[in-house]
């Protein structure tokens, strides 16, 4: 539970927005086409992009 919950919540929150829908769609298309390496790269990029959005802004 402790390992799955943060990832589950992140996917749930991302799927609510346009960015999350696009990421989920791109990953699903890559997996459906059998391109596992592309799907892995998309997941990594999604985490980096969303990590940047989540970081506190410094005004």
C-alpha atoms as a PDB file:
ATOM      1  CA  UNK A   1       0.000   0.000   0.000  1.00  0.00           C
ATOM      2  CA  UNK A   2       2.744   2.465   0.923  1.00  0.00           C
ATOM      3  CA  UNK A   3       4.568   1.961  -2.361  1.00  0.00           C
ATOM      4  CA  UNK A   4       1.532   1.917  -4.642  1.00  0.00           C
ATOM      5  CA  UNK A   5      -0.504   4.757  -3.141  1.00  0.00           C
ATOM      6  CA  UNK A   6       1.714   7.717  -4.199  1.00  0.00           C
ATOM      7  CA  UNK A   7       1.963   6.464  -7.780  1.00  0.00           C
ATOM      8  CA  UNK A   8      -1.765   5.730  -7.872  1.00  0.00           C
ATOM      9  CA  UNK A   9      -2.593   9.228  -6.613  1.00  0.00           C
ATOM     10  CA  UNK A  10      -0.188  10.838  -9.092  1.00  0.00           C
ATOM     11  CA  UNK A  11      -1.786   8.988 -12.009  1.00  0.00           C
ATOM     12  CA  UNK A  12      -5.246   9.900 -10.740  1.00  0.00           C
ATOM     13  CA  UNK A  13      -4.396  13.592 -10.470  1.00  0.00           C
ATOM     14  CA  UNK A  14      -2.618  13.662 -13.830  1.00  0.00           C
ATOM     15  CA  UNK A  15      -5.510  11.983 -15.591  1.00  0.00           C
ATOM     16  CA  UNK A  16      -7.801  14.807 -14.487  1.00  0.00           C
ATOM     17  CA  UNK A  17      -6.002  17.404 -16.596  1.00  0.00           C
ATOM     18  CA  UNK A  18      -5.170  17.819 -20.246  1.00  0.00           C
ATOM     19  CA  UNK A  19      -1.504  17.044 -19.654  1.00  0.00           C
ATOM     20  CA  UNK A  20      -2.356  13.803 -17.878  1.00  0.00           C
ATOM     21  CA  UNK A  21      -4.736  12.741 -20.631  1.00  0.00           C
ATOM     22  CA  UNK A  22      -2.114  13.358 -23.287  1.00  0.00           C
ATOM     23  CA  UNK A  23       0.554  11.496 -21.365  1.00  0.00           C
ATOM     24  CA  UNK A  24      -1.737   8.551 -20.666  1.00  0.00           C
ATOM     25  CA  UNK A  25      -2.771   8.426 -24.327  1.00  0.00           C
ATOM     26  CA  UNK A  26       0.795   8.534 -25.600  1.00  0.00           C
ATOM     27  CA  UNK A  27       1.908   5.803 -23.197  1.00  0.00           C
ATOM     28  CA  UNK A  28      -1.078   3.622 -24.094  1.00  0.00           C
ATOM     29  CA  UNK A  29      -0.393   4.020 -27.819  1.00  0.00           C
ATOM     30  CA  UNK A  30       3.278   3.157 -27.376  1.00  0.00           C
ATOM     31  CA  UNK A  31       2.444   0.068 -25.317  1.00  0.00           C
ATOM     32  CA  UNK A  32      -0.267  -0.977 -27.784  1.00  0.00           C
ATOM     33  CA  UNK A  33       2.226  -0.778 -30.639  1.00  0.00           C
ATOM     34  CA  UNK A  34       4.719  -2.898 -28.694  1.00  0.00           C
ATOM     35  CA  UNK A  35       7.207  -0.036 -28.241  1.00  0.00           C
ATOM     36  CA  UNK A  36       8.132  -0.615 -24.597  1.00  0.00           C
ATOM     37  CA  UNK A  37      11.266   1.568 -24.751  1.00  0.00           C
ATOM     38  CA  UNK A  38       9.230   4.520 -26.041  1.00  0.00           C
ATOM     39  CA  UNK A  39       6.647   4.017 -23.286  1.00  0.00           C
ATOM     40  CA  UNK A  40       9.403   3.938 -20.654  1.00  0.00           C
ATOM     41  CA  UNK A  41      10.862   7.173 -22.057  1.00  0.00           C
ATOM     42  CA  UNK A  42       7.427   8.820 -22.002  1.00  0.00           C
ATOM     43  CA  UNK A  43       6.940   7.855 -18.358  1.00  0.00           C
ATOM     44  CA  UNK A  44      10.334   9.293 -17.437  1.00  0.00           C
ATOM     45  CA  UNK A  45       9.642  12.546 -19.276  1.00  0.00           C
ATOM     46  CA  UNK A  46       6.205  12.833 -17.673  1.00  0.00           C
ATOM     47  CA  UNK A  47       7.714  12.464 -14.208  1.00  0.00           C
ATOM     48  CA  UNK A  48      10.388  15.085 -14.943  1.00  0.00           C
ATOM     49  CA  UNK A  49       7.890  17.569 -16.406  1.00  0.00           C
ATOM     50  CA  UNK A  50       5.387  17.148 -13.598  1.00  0.00           C
ATOM     51  CA  UNK A  51       8.142  17.253 -10.999  1.00  0.00           C
ATOM     52  CA  UNK A  52       9.102  20.653 -12.376  1.00  0.00           C
ATOM     53  CA  UNK A  53       5.508  21.836 -12.076  1.00  0.00           C
ATOM     54  CA  UNK A  54       5.290  20.561  -8.517  1.00  0.00           C
ATOM     55  CA  UNK A  55       8.462  22.265  -7.330  1.00  0.00           C
ATOM     56  CA  UNK A  56       7.859  25.414  -5.300  1.00  0.00           C
ATOM     57  CA  UNK A  57       8.121  28.663  -7.201  1.00  0.00           C
ATOM     58  CA  UNK A  58      10.642  31.206  -6.028  1.00  0.00           C
ATOM     59  CA  UNK A  59       9.488  34.776  -6.530  1.00  0.00           C
END
